[in-house]
Amino acid sequence: MLLHGDRLVVAAGPTLRQTRWSGGLWVLFVTPTGVSDWIVERSNGVQATGFLLFGSENYANSAGDAGYRNFTSIQPANPQATTFAMGANTLPMVTGGGRFLFRVFETVALTPAGVRAGGPAVYNLNDILKVSENGLLCNDPDAFLLLATGGTSVISVGTCSVVPDARSGNRLGLDFKF
């Protein structure tokens, strides 16, 4: 996070708790369950409300995508946490503005048929970045993305300000304008 944006408190839904998540995953609100409101799950590329700032705990990845410390403790990824009060299992979601470097984003481009098998994704400065069918940043053509998501419009969230290369530590820069 280079320049923080607007942040809100949310709770990870049951699917996120079971599958874990990386920081930078785009999410959407889902129907509340139990005593928690503002529950989120992975975005399908058709709708998104923001992205999760930190990854879930125990996110085993040598790149350290869960962050320097375990910011979410053990509870947010615990499947039983949905029965606890919202304040006991919250995490930050960024909803607008700011400048961020993402370690996790789409690295394979979409084909014209909307299948993620089109070779390496190539990012350029000033590309419009969007939310993919997997809840990750991408820059695929709108027509390809509409086929992949089944939606009627794409979700453009900002501009590419840093390209993933050796200099950037293979991070994708987003100037968030959602």
Protein backbone atom coordinates (compact mmCIF):
# COMPACT_ATOMS: atom_id res chain seq x y z
CA MET A 1 0.00 0.00 0.00
CA LEU A 2 1.66 3.21 -1.15
CA LEU A 3 -1.24 5.59 -0.55
CA HIS A 4 -4.20 4.21 1.36
CA GLY A 5 -7.74 4.56 0.12
CA ASP A 6 -11.13 4.30 1.74
CA ARG A 7 -11.41 1.21 3.93
CA LEU A 8 -14.38 -0.58 5.44
CA VAL A 9 -14.66 -3.49 7.84
CA VAL A 10 -16.08 -6.75 6.45
CA ALA A 11 -16.24 -10.43 7.42
CA ALA A 12 -15.05 -13.27 5.19
CA GLY A 13 -17.86 -15.57 4.10
CA PRO A 14 -17.87 -19.34 4.53
CA THR A 15 -16.33 -20.11 1.12
CA LEU A 16 -13.45 -17.68 1.68
CA ARG A 17 -12.86 -19.18 5.11
CA GLN A 18 -12.63 -22.67 3.64
CA THR A 19 -10.49 -21.78 0.61
CA ARG A 20 -8.37 -18.97 2.16
CA TRP A 21 -7.52 -15.81 0.23
CA SER A 22 -4.60 -13.68 -0.79
CA GLY A 23 -4.28 -9.96 -0.19
CA GLY A 24 -5.62 -8.06 -3.19
CA LEU A 25 -8.55 -10.41 -3.86
CA TRP A 26 -11.61 -8.51 -5.14
CA VAL A 27 -14.82 -9.35 -3.30
CA LEU A 28 -18.56 -8.66 -3.29
CA PHE A 29 -21.20 -8.56 -0.57
CA VAL A 30 -23.34 -11.66 -0.03
CA THR A 31 -26.47 -12.33 2.02
CA PRO A 32 -25.69 -12.10 5.75
CA THR A 33 -25.76 -15.25 7.84
CA GLY A 34 -25.99 -15.62 11.60
CA VAL A 35 -25.12 -12.50 13.57
CA SER A 36 -22.68 -11.02 11.01
CA ASP A 37 -23.50 -8.40 8.40
CA TRP A 38 -21.26 -7.13 5.62
CA ILE A 39 -20.09 -10.60 4.60
CA VAL A 40 -17.99 -10.88 1.44
CA GLU A 41 -17.00 -13.63 -0.98
CA ARG A 42 -14.73 -13.70 -4.05
CA SER A 43 -15.87 -11.46 -6.91
CA ASN A 44 -17.09 -13.15 -10.07
CA GLY A 45 -16.04 -10.21 -12.25
CA VAL A 46 -19.67 -9.11 -12.65
CA GLN A 47 -19.88 -7.30 -9.31
CA ALA A 48 -17.25 -6.10 -6.83
CA THR A 49 -17.29 -3.86 -3.77
CA GLY A 50 -13.54 -3.59 -3.16
CA PHE A 51 -10.51 -5.75 -2.42
CA LEU A 52 -9.23 -7.39 0.75
CA LEU A 53 -6.14 -5.59 1.99
CA PHE A 54 -4.52 -8.57 3.71
CA GLY A 55 -4.47 -12.29 3.03
CA SER A 56 -5.84 -14.93 5.33
CA GLU A 57 -3.57 -16.47 7.91
CA ASN A 58 -1.65 -19.60 7.11
CA TYR A 59 -1.53 -18.54 3.47
CA ALA A 60 1.46 -20.74 2.67
CA ASN A 61 3.29 -18.94 -0.11
CA SER A 62 6.98 -18.16 -0.35
CA ALA A 63 6.11 -14.76 -1.85
CA GLY A 64 4.53 -13.79 1.50
CA ASP A 65 1.14 -12.81 0.07
CA ALA A 66 -0.45 -12.85 3.51
CA GLY A 67 1.69 -9.91 4.55
CA TYR A 68 4.49 -9.39 7.02
CA ARG A 69 2.35 -10.30 10.01
CA ASN A 70 -0.77 -12.28 10.61
CA PHE A 71 -3.12 -9.28 10.61
CA THR A 72 -6.30 -11.37 10.62
CA SER A 73 -5.36 -13.64 13.52
CA ILE A 74 -6.76 -17.15 13.38
CA GLN A 75 -10.43 -16.38 13.55
CA PRO A 76 -11.31 -14.96 10.09
CA ALA A 77 -10.31 -18.16 8.29
CA ASN A 78 -11.89 -20.41 10.90
CA PRO A 79 -15.06 -21.94 9.33
CA GLN A 80 -16.80 -21.74 12.73
CA ALA A 81 -16.21 -17.98 12.97
CA THR A 82 -19.47 -17.28 11.11
CA THR A 83 -21.32 -17.98 14.36
CA PHE A 84 -19.40 -15.28 16.26
CA ALA A 85 -20.23 -11.60 16.46
CA MET A 86 -19.00 -9.44 13.57
CA GLY A 87 -16.56 -7.46 15.72
CA ALA A 88 -14.68 -10.63 16.61
CA ASN A 89 -13.77 -11.61 13.04
CA THR A 90 -13.33 -8.55 10.84
CA LEU A 91 -10.83 -7.62 8.15
CA PRO A 92 -10.21 -4.47 6.08
CA MET A 93 -11.59 -4.05 2.56
CA VAL A 94 -10.39 -1.16 0.39
CA THR A 95 -13.31 0.47 -1.42
CA GLY A 96 -11.82 3.38 -3.33
CA GLY A 97 -8.89 5.63 -4.03
CA GLY A 98 -5.24 4.99 -3.29
CA ARG A 99 -2.14 3.54 -4.90
CA PHE A 100 -1.30 -0.13 -4.43
CA LEU A 101 1.16 -2.76 -5.60
CA PHE A 102 -0.40 -6.20 -6.14
CA ARG A 103 1.54 -9.46 -5.93
CA VAL A 104 -1.42 -11.53 -7.07
CA PHE A 105 -3.11 -10.72 -10.41
CA GLU A 106 -3.99 -12.52 -13.64
CA THR A 107 -0.82 -13.74 -15.37
CA VAL A 108 -2.54 -15.61 -18.22
CA ALA A 109 -4.56 -13.68 -20.80
CA LEU A 110 -8.06 -14.56 -21.96
CA THR A 111 -8.64 -16.02 -25.42
CA PRO A 112 -11.30 -14.53 -27.74
CA ALA A 113 -13.58 -17.34 -26.45
CA GLY A 114 -13.30 -16.04 -22.88
CA VAL A 115 -11.04 -18.85 -21.65
CA ARG A 116 -7.96 -18.07 -19.58
CA ALA A 117 -5.48 -19.85 -21.85
CA GLY A 118 -4.26 -17.05 -24.13
CA GLY A 119 -0.60 -16.99 -23.14
CA PRO A 120 1.13 -14.61 -20.73
CA ALA A 121 -0.76 -11.47 -19.75
CA VAL A 122 1.19 -8.33 -20.68
CA TYR A 123 0.62 -5.13 -18.72
CA ASN A 124 1.54 -1.63 -19.90
CA LEU A 125 1.57 1.70 -18.12
CA ASN A 126 -1.81 3.45 -18.28
CA ASP A 127 -3.74 0.25 -19.13
CA ILE A 128 -7.23 0.26 -17.67
CA LEU A 129 -7.29 -2.47 -15.01
CA LYS A 130 -10.43 -4.52 -14.42
CA VAL A 131 -11.70 -7.30 -12.14
CA SER A 132 -11.46 -10.75 -13.70
CA GLU A 133 -13.78 -13.73 -13.42
CA ASN A 134 -11.43 -14.99 -10.67
CA GLY A 135 -11.60 -11.81 -8.57
CA LEU A 136 -8.12 -10.67 -9.64
CA LEU A 137 -6.80 -7.63 -11.50
CA CYS A 138 -6.54 -8.00 -15.27
CA ASN A 139 -6.36 -5.91 -18.44
CA ASP A 140 -8.14 -8.27 -20.84
CA PRO A 141 -10.23 -6.79 -23.68
CA ASP A 142 -13.79 -6.05 -22.57
CA ALA A 143 -15.34 -8.45 -25.11
CA PHE A 144 -13.20 -11.37 -23.87
CA LEU A 145 -13.93 -10.52 -20.22
CA LEU A 146 -17.68 -10.32 -20.84
CA LEU A 147 -17.59 -13.86 -22.25
CA ALA A 148 -15.60 -15.10 -19.24
CA THR A 149 -17.85 -13.49 -16.63
CA GLY A 150 -21.21 -13.80 -18.37
CA GLY A 151 -21.90 -10.21 -17.35
CA THR A 152 -23.17 -7.24 -19.33
CA SER A 153 -20.43 -4.81 -18.32
CA VAL A 154 -16.88 -4.98 -17.00
CA ILE A 155 -15.65 -3.54 -13.72
CA SER A 156 -12.90 -1.00 -14.43
CA VAL A 157 -11.12 -0.10 -11.19
CA GLY A 158 -8.19 2.10 -12.18
CA THR A 159 -4.99 2.59 -14.12
CA CYS A 160 -1.80 0.55 -14.33
CA SER A 161 0.90 2.71 -12.74
CA VAL A 162 3.66 0.07 -12.35
CA VAL A 163 4.25 -2.89 -14.68
CA PRO A 164 5.21 -6.26 -13.23
CA ASP A 165 8.91 -6.77 -13.91
CA ALA A 166 12.19 -7.36 -12.06
CA ARG A 167 12.40 -3.71 -10.98
CA SER A 168 8.98 -3.81 -9.32
CA GLY A 169 9.50 -7.23 -7.76
CA ASN A 170 6.92 -8.57 -10.23
CA ARG A 171 4.19 -6.38 -8.70
CA LEU A 172 1.35 -4.76 -10.63
CA GLY A 173 0.67 -1.14 -9.67
CA LEU A 174 -2.90 0.11 -9.47
CA ASP A 175 -3.97 3.73 -9.10
CA PHE A 176 -7.41 2.86 -7.70
CA LYS A 177 -10.25 5.01 -9.06
CA PHE A 178 -13.27 2.81 -8.20
